[in-house]
Amino acid sequence: MTMVRAGVVPTRRAVLYGVLGIAVTVLVCAAIVSGFGLHRVFTGLLAGGIGGIALLVALFGRDAIVLTEGAIYRRTPWAESSIEWDRVVAGRFTLDDQARWSLALDLAGSDERHGELVLLSIPPVIRPVSGAYDLRKRNQVRQIREMLRHKHVPVTVLPEIAGALSTHWNIAPPTR
């Protein structure tokens, strides 16, 4: 077990990333059009779109929570902080405020919002894996669960979540 990537990008930060991607697209397009003339609008849009998408991939790729053997690292594009495993009290897989399934860690002595670290937030599972998104999320749930089991972190799972994961994604409920 080396590392597991998880994390939920907050809505405000996701909107900021989107605005930055659009700004890069517009700026690159404007620079090409102003430098080479109005007949290069399509070229400017293409180059700007490539630049904007590259920026979005870089920003969203850097924004993550990484679970490793030694610690939990919370990364944003501009900072990185670590949380030691001994601060983790327990984990829970419950419903969040938007009726999504949320896998969070409860932390002791923390300055995090509500003393928790949200690792994953997914829509409720109502059918077997049907696409790349479902497959990626199922693999994330399995990897996070294995890491937490390896670190001896007790995890509470709501019965309806455990039942749906077992029925649709073939992930057995915790044995503790």
N, C-alpha and C. Protein backbone atom coordinates (compact mmCIF):
# COMPACT_ATOMS: atom_id res chain seq x y z
N MET A 1 0.86 -1.17 0.00
CA MET A 1 0.00 0.00 0.00
C MET A 1 0.91 1.23 0.00
N THR A 2 0.98 1.97 -1.07
CA THR A 2 1.86 3.12 -1.14
C THR A 2 1.11 4.42 -0.93
N MET A 3 0.14 4.71 -1.80
CA MET A 3 -0.64 5.93 -1.63
C MET A 3 -2.00 5.78 -2.30
N VAL A 4 -2.94 6.55 -1.77
CA VAL A 4 -4.30 6.57 -2.31
C VAL A 4 -4.70 8.02 -2.49
N ARG A 5 -5.17 8.35 -3.68
CA ARG A 5 -5.65 9.71 -3.96
C ARG A 5 -7.12 9.80 -3.67
N ALA A 6 -7.50 10.87 -2.99
CA ALA A 6 -8.91 11.11 -2.68
C ALA A 6 -9.10 12.62 -2.66
N GLY A 7 -10.22 13.05 -2.16
CA GLY A 7 -10.43 14.48 -1.98
C GLY A 7 -11.62 15.00 -2.75
N VAL A 8 -12.18 16.04 -2.22
CA VAL A 8 -13.31 16.72 -2.82
C VAL A 8 -12.92 18.18 -2.99
N VAL A 9 -13.01 18.69 -4.20
CA VAL A 9 -12.71 20.10 -4.45
C VAL A 9 -13.94 20.92 -4.07
N PRO A 10 -13.79 21.85 -3.11
CA PRO A 10 -14.93 22.69 -2.72
C PRO A 10 -15.46 23.50 -3.90
N THR A 11 -16.75 23.80 -3.86
CA THR A 11 -17.41 24.48 -4.98
C THR A 11 -16.75 25.82 -5.29
N ARG A 12 -16.42 26.59 -4.28
CA ARG A 12 -15.80 27.90 -4.52
C ARG A 12 -14.49 27.77 -5.27
N ARG A 13 -13.68 26.79 -4.85
CA ARG A 13 -12.39 26.60 -5.50
C ARG A 13 -12.58 26.09 -6.93
N ALA A 14 -13.58 25.22 -7.16
CA ALA A 14 -13.86 24.72 -8.50
C ALA A 14 -14.30 25.86 -9.42
N VAL A 15 -15.11 26.77 -8.89
CA VAL A 15 -15.54 27.93 -9.68
C VAL A 15 -14.33 28.82 -9.99
N LEU A 16 -13.45 29.01 -9.02
CA LEU A 16 -12.23 29.79 -9.25
C LEU A 16 -11.39 29.17 -10.35
N TYR A 17 -11.23 27.84 -10.31
CA TYR A 17 -10.47 27.16 -11.36
C TYR A 17 -11.12 27.34 -12.73
N GLY A 18 -12.45 27.24 -12.78
CA GLY A 18 -13.16 27.44 -14.03
C GLY A 18 -12.98 28.84 -14.58
N VAL A 19 -13.06 29.84 -13.71
CA VAL A 19 -12.87 31.23 -14.13
C VAL A 19 -11.45 31.43 -14.66
N LEU A 20 -10.47 30.84 -13.97
CA LEU A 20 -9.08 30.95 -14.43
C LEU A 20 -8.89 30.28 -15.80
N GLY A 21 -9.52 29.12 -16.00
CA GLY A 21 -9.43 28.44 -17.30
C GLY A 21 -10.04 29.27 -18.42
N ILE A 22 -11.18 29.88 -18.15
CA ILE A 22 -11.82 30.74 -19.15
C ILE A 22 -10.97 31.98 -19.41
N ALA A 23 -10.40 32.55 -18.35
CA ALA A 23 -9.56 33.74 -18.51
C ALA A 23 -8.33 33.43 -19.37
N VAL A 24 -7.71 32.29 -19.16
CA VAL A 24 -6.55 31.92 -19.98
C VAL A 24 -6.97 31.74 -21.43
N THR A 25 -8.12 31.10 -21.65
CA THR A 25 -8.62 30.91 -23.02
C THR A 25 -8.84 32.25 -23.71
N VAL A 26 -9.47 33.17 -23.03
CA VAL A 26 -9.76 34.49 -23.61
C VAL A 26 -8.47 35.28 -23.85
N LEU A 27 -7.56 35.25 -22.88
CA LEU A 27 -6.31 36.00 -23.04
C LEU A 27 -5.45 35.47 -24.18
N VAL A 28 -5.32 34.16 -24.29
CA VAL A 28 -4.52 33.60 -25.38
C VAL A 28 -5.18 33.90 -26.72
N CYS A 29 -6.49 33.76 -26.79
CA CYS A 29 -7.22 34.07 -28.02
C CYS A 29 -7.04 35.54 -28.40
N ALA A 30 -7.19 36.43 -27.43
CA ALA A 30 -7.03 37.86 -27.70
C ALA A 30 -5.61 38.19 -28.15
N ALA A 31 -4.61 37.55 -27.52
CA ALA A 31 -3.22 37.80 -27.91
C ALA A 31 -2.96 37.35 -29.35
N ILE A 32 -3.45 36.21 -29.73
CA ILE A 32 -3.24 35.71 -31.09
C ILE A 32 -3.98 36.56 -32.10
N VAL A 33 -5.21 36.93 -31.81
CA VAL A 33 -5.99 37.76 -32.73
C VAL A 33 -5.36 39.14 -32.86
N SER A 34 -4.92 39.73 -31.76
CA SER A 34 -4.31 41.06 -31.85
C SER A 34 -2.95 41.00 -32.53
N GLY A 35 -2.23 39.92 -32.40
CA GLY A 35 -0.91 39.81 -33.02
C GLY A 35 -0.95 39.43 -34.48
N PHE A 36 -1.92 38.62 -34.90
CA PHE A 36 -1.93 38.10 -36.26
C PHE A 36 -3.14 38.51 -37.09
N GLY A 37 -4.06 39.24 -36.50
CA GLY A 37 -5.20 39.72 -37.25
C GLY A 37 -6.47 38.96 -36.96
N LEU A 38 -7.58 39.53 -37.41
CA LEU A 38 -8.90 39.01 -37.13
C LEU A 38 -9.16 37.65 -37.80
N HIS A 39 -8.37 37.33 -38.81
CA HIS A 39 -8.57 36.07 -39.51
C HIS A 39 -8.03 34.88 -38.71
N ARG A 40 -7.46 35.11 -37.58
CA ARG A 40 -6.91 34.04 -36.74
C ARG A 40 -7.74 33.79 -35.48
N VAL A 41 -9.04 34.09 -35.55
CA VAL A 41 -9.92 33.88 -34.40
C VAL A 41 -10.00 32.39 -34.06
N PHE A 42 -10.19 31.53 -35.08
CA PHE A 42 -10.29 30.10 -34.81
C PHE A 42 -8.99 29.57 -34.22
N THR A 43 -7.86 29.99 -34.76
CA THR A 43 -6.56 29.57 -34.22
C THR A 43 -6.41 30.05 -32.79
N GLY A 44 -6.83 31.28 -32.52
CA GLY A 44 -6.76 31.81 -31.17
C GLY A 44 -7.63 31.04 -30.20
N LEU A 45 -8.86 30.71 -30.64
CA LEU A 45 -9.75 29.92 -29.79
C LEU A 45 -9.18 28.53 -29.54
N LEU A 46 -8.61 27.93 -30.56
CA LEU A 46 -8.03 26.59 -30.40
C LEU A 46 -6.85 26.62 -29.43
N ALA A 47 -5.94 27.56 -29.64
CA ALA A 47 -4.78 27.66 -28.74
C ALA A 47 -5.21 28.05 -27.33
N GLY A 48 -6.14 28.98 -27.21
CA GLY A 48 -6.65 29.37 -25.90
C GLY A 48 -7.36 28.23 -25.20
N GLY A 49 -8.15 27.46 -25.96
CA GLY A 49 -8.83 26.30 -25.38
C GLY A 49 -7.84 25.26 -24.88
N ILE A 50 -6.79 25.03 -25.63
CA ILE A 50 -5.76 24.08 -25.19
C ILE A 50 -5.09 24.60 -23.92
N GLY A 51 -4.76 25.89 -23.89
CA GLY A 51 -4.14 26.47 -22.69
C GLY A 51 -5.06 26.43 -21.49
N GLY A 52 -6.35 26.74 -21.69
CA GLY A 52 -7.31 26.71 -20.59
C GLY A 52 -7.53 25.32 -20.05
N ILE A 53 -7.64 24.34 -20.94
CA ILE A 53 -7.81 22.96 -20.50
C ILE A 53 -6.56 22.46 -19.77
N ALA A 54 -5.39 22.82 -20.28
CA ALA A 54 -4.14 22.42 -19.60
C ALA A 54 -4.08 23.01 -18.19
N LEU A 55 -4.50 24.26 -18.04
CA LEU A 55 -4.52 24.87 -16.72
C LEU A 55 -5.51 24.16 -15.79
N LEU A 56 -6.69 23.85 -16.30
CA LEU A 56 -7.69 23.14 -15.49
C LEU A 56 -7.18 21.76 -15.06
N VAL A 57 -6.55 21.04 -15.96
CA VAL A 57 -6.00 19.72 -15.62
C VAL A 57 -4.94 19.86 -14.54
N ALA A 58 -4.08 20.88 -14.67
CA ALA A 58 -3.03 21.09 -13.67
C ALA A 58 -3.63 21.46 -12.30
N LEU A 59 -4.60 22.36 -12.29
CA LEU A 59 -5.20 22.80 -11.03
C LEU A 59 -5.97 21.67 -10.34
N PHE A 60 -6.84 20.99 -11.09
CA PHE A 60 -7.62 19.92 -10.49
C PHE A 60 -6.74 18.71 -10.15
N GLY A 61 -5.68 18.49 -10.91
CA GLY A 61 -4.76 17.40 -10.62
C GLY A 61 -3.97 17.62 -9.36
N ARG A 62 -3.66 18.85 -9.06
CA ARG A 62 -2.88 19.16 -7.86
C ARG A 62 -3.75 19.22 -6.60
N ASP A 63 -5.03 19.52 -6.76
CA ASP A 63 -5.95 19.67 -5.63
C ASP A 63 -6.44 18.29 -5.21
N ALA A 64 -5.88 17.75 -4.14
CA ALA A 64 -6.24 16.39 -3.73
C ALA A 64 -5.86 16.15 -2.28
N ILE A 65 -6.36 15.06 -1.76
CA ILE A 65 -5.93 14.53 -0.48
C ILE A 65 -5.25 13.21 -0.79
N VAL A 66 -4.03 13.05 -0.31
CA VAL A 66 -3.26 11.84 -0.60
C VAL A 66 -3.01 11.10 0.71
N LEU A 67 -3.48 9.87 0.77
CA LEU A 67 -3.26 9.02 1.93
C LEU A 67 -2.01 8.18 1.67
N THR A 68 -1.00 8.30 2.52
CA THR A 68 0.22 7.52 2.38
C THR A 68 0.45 6.74 3.67
N GLU A 69 1.47 5.91 3.67
CA GLU A 69 1.81 5.14 4.87
C GLU A 69 2.16 6.05 6.04
N GLY A 70 2.87 7.14 5.77
CA GLY A 70 3.36 8.00 6.83
C GLY A 70 2.38 9.05 7.32
N ALA A 71 1.59 9.61 6.43
CA ALA A 71 0.71 10.71 6.80
C ALA A 71 -0.36 10.90 5.73
N ILE A 72 -1.26 11.83 6.02
CA ILE A 72 -2.27 12.25 5.06
C ILE A 72 -1.88 13.65 4.60
N TYR A 73 -1.77 13.83 3.29
CA TYR A 73 -1.37 15.12 2.75
C TYR A 73 -2.55 15.78 2.07
N ARG A 74 -2.81 17.02 2.47
CA ARG A 74 -3.87 17.82 1.86
C ARG A 74 -3.17 18.83 0.95
N ARG A 75 -3.41 18.69 -0.36
CA ARG A 75 -2.73 19.54 -1.33
C ARG A 75 -3.71 20.45 -2.06
N THR A 76 -3.27 21.68 -2.27
CA THR A 76 -3.93 22.61 -3.17
C THR A 76 -2.85 23.08 -4.14
N PRO A 77 -3.21 23.78 -5.20
CA PRO A 77 -2.16 24.22 -6.13
C PRO A 77 -1.11 25.13 -5.49
N TRP A 78 -1.45 25.77 -4.39
CA TRP A 78 -0.52 26.74 -3.81
C TRP A 78 0.04 26.32 -2.45
N ALA A 79 -0.42 25.21 -1.88
CA ALA A 79 0.06 24.81 -0.55
C ALA A 79 -0.09 23.31 -0.35
N GLU A 80 0.62 22.82 0.65
CA GLU A 80 0.48 21.42 1.05
C GLU A 80 0.65 21.33 2.55
N SER A 81 -0.23 20.57 3.19
CA SER A 81 -0.12 20.36 4.63
C SER A 81 -0.27 18.88 4.91
N SER A 82 0.24 18.45 6.04
CA SER A 82 0.15 17.03 6.38
C SER A 82 -0.60 16.85 7.69
N ILE A 83 -1.26 15.72 7.79
CA ILE A 83 -1.99 15.32 8.98
C ILE A 83 -1.46 13.94 9.36
N GLU A 84 -1.02 13.81 10.57
CA GLU A 84 -0.49 12.53 11.03
C GLU A 84 -1.63 11.55 11.27
N TRP A 85 -1.36 10.27 11.07
CA TRP A 85 -2.38 9.24 11.25
C TRP A 85 -2.87 9.15 12.70
N ASP A 86 -2.02 9.53 13.65
CA ASP A 86 -2.46 9.42 15.05
C ASP A 86 -3.54 10.45 15.41
N ARG A 87 -3.77 11.44 14.55
CA ARG A 87 -4.86 12.40 14.76
C ARG A 87 -6.20 11.88 14.27
N VAL A 88 -6.19 10.80 13.50
CA VAL A 88 -7.43 10.25 12.95
C VAL A 88 -8.11 9.41 14.03
N VAL A 89 -9.32 9.81 14.39
CA VAL A 89 -10.09 9.13 15.42
C VAL A 89 -10.89 7.99 14.81
N ALA A 90 -11.62 8.29 13.74
CA ALA A 90 -12.50 7.30 13.10
C ALA A 90 -12.87 7.80 11.71
N GLY A 91 -13.51 6.93 10.97
CA GLY A 91 -14.03 7.28 9.66
C GLY A 91 -15.52 7.00 9.64
N ARG A 92 -16.22 7.67 8.73
CA ARG A 92 -17.66 7.41 8.61
C ARG A 92 -18.09 7.61 7.17
N PHE A 93 -18.99 6.76 6.75
CA PHE A 93 -19.56 6.81 5.40
C PHE A 93 -21.04 7.09 5.59
N THR A 94 -21.45 8.35 5.44
CA THR A 94 -22.82 8.76 5.73
C THR A 94 -23.34 9.68 4.63
N LEU A 95 -24.56 10.16 4.83
CA LEU A 95 -25.14 11.15 3.92
C LEU A 95 -24.65 12.54 4.31
N ASP A 96 -24.35 13.37 3.30
CA ASP A 96 -23.96 14.75 3.60
C ASP A 96 -25.16 15.68 3.40
N ASP A 97 -24.90 16.97 3.39
CA ASP A 97 -25.97 17.97 3.32
C ASP A 97 -26.74 17.93 1.99
N GLN A 98 -26.09 17.47 0.92
CA GLN A 98 -26.73 17.45 -0.39
C GLN A 98 -27.24 16.06 -0.77
N ALA A 99 -27.44 15.19 0.21
CA ALA A 99 -27.92 13.82 0.02
C ALA A 99 -26.97 12.97 -0.81
N ARG A 100 -25.69 13.32 -0.78
CA ARG A 100 -24.65 12.51 -1.41
C ARG A 100 -24.00 11.67 -0.33
N TRP A 101 -23.36 10.60 -0.74
CA TRP A 101 -22.64 9.77 0.21
C TRP A 101 -21.27 10.38 0.44
N SER A 102 -20.92 10.56 1.68
CA SER A 102 -19.68 11.22 2.04
C SER A 102 -18.84 10.32 2.94
N LEU A 103 -17.60 10.08 2.54
CA LEU A 103 -16.66 9.32 3.34
C LEU A 103 -15.70 10.33 3.96
N ALA A 104 -15.76 10.46 5.28
CA ALA A 104 -14.98 11.48 5.99
C ALA A 104 -14.23 10.86 7.16
N LEU A 105 -13.13 11.51 7.52
CA LEU A 105 -12.36 11.12 8.69
C LEU A 105 -12.59 12.13 9.79
N ASP A 106 -12.83 11.66 11.00
CA ASP A 106 -12.93 12.54 12.17
C ASP A 106 -11.53 12.71 12.73
N LEU A 107 -11.14 13.97 12.97
CA LEU A 107 -9.79 14.27 13.43
C LEU A 107 -9.80 14.85 14.83
N ALA A 108 -8.82 14.48 15.63
CA ALA A 108 -8.68 15.01 16.99
C ALA A 108 -7.77 16.24 16.95
N GLY A 109 -8.14 17.25 17.73
CA GLY A 109 -7.31 18.45 17.85
C GLY A 109 -7.07 19.13 16.53
N SER A 110 -8.11 19.34 15.78
CA SER A 110 -7.92 19.89 14.43
C SER A 110 -8.53 21.26 14.28
N ASP A 111 -8.01 21.98 13.30
CA ASP A 111 -8.59 23.27 12.96
C ASP A 111 -9.41 23.16 11.67
N GLU A 112 -9.62 21.92 11.19
CA GLU A 112 -10.44 21.70 10.01
C GLU A 112 -11.89 22.01 10.34
N ARG A 113 -12.63 22.32 9.32
CA ARG A 113 -14.04 22.63 9.47
C ARG A 113 -14.76 21.42 10.06
N HIS A 114 -15.43 21.59 11.16
CA HIS A 114 -16.20 20.56 11.86
C HIS A 114 -15.31 19.40 12.33
N GLY A 115 -14.00 19.57 12.35
CA GLY A 115 -13.10 18.52 12.81
C GLY A 115 -13.10 17.29 11.95
N GLU A 116 -13.36 17.47 10.66
CA GLU A 116 -13.41 16.33 9.75
C GLU A 116 -12.65 16.63 8.47
N LEU A 117 -12.28 15.58 7.79
CA LEU A 117 -11.59 15.67 6.51
C LEU A 117 -12.37 14.80 5.53
N VAL A 118 -13.03 15.41 4.57
CA VAL A 118 -13.86 14.68 3.61
C VAL A 118 -12.95 14.09 2.53
N LEU A 119 -12.98 12.77 2.42
CA LEU A 119 -12.16 12.08 1.44
C LEU A 119 -12.89 11.85 0.12
N LEU A 120 -14.18 11.66 0.20
CA LEU A 120 -14.93 11.28 -1.00
C LEU A 120 -16.37 11.71 -0.85
N SER A 121 -16.97 12.19 -1.92
CA SER A 121 -18.39 12.53 -1.94
C SER A 121 -18.93 12.05 -3.28
N ILE A 122 -19.84 11.07 -3.23
CA ILE A 122 -20.36 10.48 -4.46
C ILE A 122 -21.88 10.46 -4.41
N PRO A 123 -22.52 10.45 -5.60
CA PRO A 123 -23.97 10.29 -5.59
C PRO A 123 -24.33 8.88 -5.11
N PRO A 124 -25.52 8.69 -4.55
CA PRO A 124 -25.90 7.37 -4.08
C PRO A 124 -25.81 6.31 -5.18
N VAL A 125 -25.34 5.14 -4.82
CA VAL A 125 -25.20 4.03 -5.76
C VAL A 125 -26.54 3.33 -5.87
N ILE A 126 -27.10 3.32 -7.08
CA ILE A 126 -28.42 2.71 -7.28
C ILE A 126 -28.39 1.62 -8.34
N ARG A 127 -27.22 1.39 -8.97
CA ARG A 127 -27.11 0.35 -10.01
C ARG A 127 -25.66 -0.11 -10.10
N PRO A 128 -25.43 -1.22 -10.78
CA PRO A 128 -24.04 -1.68 -10.94
C PRO A 128 -23.20 -0.67 -11.73
N VAL A 129 -21.91 -0.87 -11.72
CA VAL A 129 -20.99 0.02 -12.42
C VAL A 129 -21.41 0.12 -13.88
N SER A 130 -21.61 1.35 -14.37
CA SER A 130 -22.11 1.52 -15.73
C SER A 130 -21.23 2.45 -16.57
N GLY A 131 -20.11 2.90 -16.03
CA GLY A 131 -19.25 3.78 -16.80
C GLY A 131 -17.94 4.03 -16.09
N ALA A 132 -17.13 4.86 -16.71
CA ALA A 132 -15.80 5.15 -16.18
C ALA A 132 -15.88 5.86 -14.82
N TYR A 133 -16.82 6.77 -14.66
CA TYR A 133 -16.96 7.48 -13.38
C TYR A 133 -17.26 6.51 -12.25
N ASP A 134 -18.24 5.63 -12.47
CA ASP A 134 -18.60 4.65 -11.44
C ASP A 134 -17.42 3.73 -11.13
N LEU A 135 -16.71 3.30 -12.15
CA LEU A 135 -15.57 2.41 -11.94
C LEU A 135 -14.47 3.10 -11.13
N ARG A 136 -14.19 4.36 -11.47
CA ARG A 136 -13.17 5.10 -10.74
C ARG A 136 -13.57 5.31 -9.28
N LYS A 137 -14.82 5.64 -9.05
CA LYS A 137 -15.29 5.86 -7.67
C LYS A 137 -15.30 4.54 -6.89
N ARG A 138 -15.69 3.44 -7.52
CA ARG A 138 -15.66 2.15 -6.84
C ARG A 138 -14.23 1.79 -6.44
N ASN A 139 -13.30 2.01 -7.35
CA ASN A 139 -11.89 1.72 -7.04
C ASN A 139 -11.38 2.63 -5.92
N GLN A 140 -11.79 3.90 -5.92
CA GLN A 140 -11.40 4.81 -4.85
C GLN A 140 -11.94 4.34 -3.51
N VAL A 141 -13.20 3.94 -3.47
CA VAL A 141 -13.79 3.45 -2.22
C VAL A 141 -13.03 2.23 -1.73
N ARG A 142 -12.71 1.31 -2.62
CA ARG A 142 -11.95 0.12 -2.23
C ARG A 142 -10.57 0.48 -1.70
N GLN A 143 -9.86 1.36 -2.41
CA GLN A 143 -8.51 1.72 -1.99
C GLN A 143 -8.51 2.45 -0.65
N ILE A 144 -9.44 3.39 -0.48
CA ILE A 144 -9.52 4.12 0.79
C ILE A 144 -9.86 3.15 1.91
N ARG A 145 -10.79 2.25 1.66
CA ARG A 145 -11.19 1.27 2.68
C ARG A 145 -10.01 0.38 3.07
N GLU A 146 -9.22 -0.06 2.07
CA GLU A 146 -8.05 -0.89 2.37
C GLU A 146 -7.02 -0.11 3.18
N MET A 147 -6.80 1.15 2.83
CA MET A 147 -5.83 1.96 3.58
C MET A 147 -6.29 2.16 5.02
N LEU A 148 -7.57 2.46 5.21
CA LEU A 148 -8.09 2.66 6.56
C LEU A 148 -8.04 1.36 7.37
N ARG A 149 -8.31 0.25 6.73
CA ARG A 149 -8.21 -1.04 7.41
C ARG A 149 -6.75 -1.31 7.79
N HIS A 150 -5.83 -1.01 6.87
CA HIS A 150 -4.40 -1.21 7.14
C HIS A 150 -3.93 -0.34 8.31
N LYS A 151 -4.48 0.85 8.43
CA LYS A 151 -4.11 1.77 9.51
C LYS A 151 -4.96 1.57 10.77
N HIS A 152 -5.83 0.58 10.77
CA HIS A 152 -6.67 0.23 11.92
C HIS A 152 -7.57 1.39 12.35
N VAL A 153 -8.15 2.07 11.36
CA VAL A 153 -9.08 3.17 11.62
C VAL A 153 -10.50 2.59 11.56
N PRO A 154 -11.25 2.68 12.66
CA PRO A 154 -12.63 2.16 12.62
C PRO A 154 -13.51 3.04 11.72
N VAL A 155 -14.32 2.39 10.89
CA VAL A 155 -15.17 3.10 9.95
C VAL A 155 -16.62 2.71 10.21
N THR A 156 -17.48 3.70 10.38
CA THR A 156 -18.91 3.48 10.54
C THR A 156 -19.57 3.71 9.18
N VAL A 157 -20.38 2.74 8.76
CA VAL A 157 -21.08 2.83 7.48
C VAL A 157 -22.57 2.68 7.73
N LEU A 158 -23.36 3.60 7.21
CA LEU A 158 -24.82 3.48 7.33
C LEU A 158 -25.27 2.18 6.67
N PRO A 159 -26.24 1.50 7.25
CA PRO A 159 -26.69 0.21 6.71
C PRO A 159 -27.14 0.29 5.24
N GLU A 160 -27.87 1.35 4.88
CA GLU A 160 -28.33 1.45 3.48
C GLU A 160 -27.17 1.66 2.52
N ILE A 161 -26.13 2.36 2.96
CA ILE A 161 -24.95 2.55 2.12
C ILE A 161 -24.20 1.22 1.99
N ALA A 162 -24.01 0.53 3.10
CA ALA A 162 -23.33 -0.77 3.07
C ALA A 162 -24.08 -1.75 2.18
N GLY A 163 -25.41 -1.77 2.28
CA GLY A 163 -26.21 -2.67 1.46
C GLY A 163 -26.09 -2.37 -0.02
N ALA A 164 -26.15 -1.08 -0.38
CA ALA A 164 -26.05 -0.70 -1.79
C ALA A 164 -24.66 -0.99 -2.34
N LEU A 165 -23.62 -0.70 -1.55
CA LEU A 165 -22.26 -0.99 -2.00
C LEU A 165 -22.07 -2.49 -2.21
N SER A 166 -22.62 -3.29 -1.32
CA SER A 166 -22.50 -4.74 -1.44
C SER A 166 -23.29 -5.27 -2.63
N THR A 167 -24.50 -4.79 -2.80
CA THR A 167 -25.38 -5.27 -3.86
C THR A 167 -24.91 -4.83 -5.24
N HIS A 168 -24.63 -3.55 -5.41
CA HIS A 168 -24.36 -3.01 -6.74
C HIS A 168 -22.88 -2.98 -7.12
N TRP A 169 -22.00 -2.73 -6.16
CA TRP A 169 -20.58 -2.60 -6.49
C TRP A 169 -19.74 -3.76 -5.96
N ASN A 170 -20.39 -4.75 -5.34
CA ASN A 170 -19.69 -5.93 -4.80
C ASN A 170 -18.59 -5.56 -3.82
N ILE A 171 -18.84 -4.56 -3.01
CA ILE A 171 -17.92 -4.19 -1.94
C ILE A 171 -18.56 -4.65 -0.64
N ALA A 172 -17.92 -5.62 -0.01
CA ALA A 172 -18.47 -6.19 1.21
C ALA A 172 -18.47 -5.17 2.34
N PRO A 173 -19.48 -5.22 3.21
CA PRO A 173 -19.50 -4.30 4.36
C PRO A 173 -18.33 -4.59 5.29
N PRO A 174 -17.95 -3.61 6.13
CA PRO A 174 -16.85 -3.84 7.06
C PRO A 174 -17.15 -5.01 7.99
N THR A 175 -16.11 -5.73 8.39
CA THR A 175 -16.28 -6.91 9.22
C THR A 175 -16.14 -6.61 10.70
N ARG A 176 -15.97 -5.37 11.08
CA ARG A 176 -15.81 -5.02 12.51
C ARG A 176 -17.13 -4.80 13.17
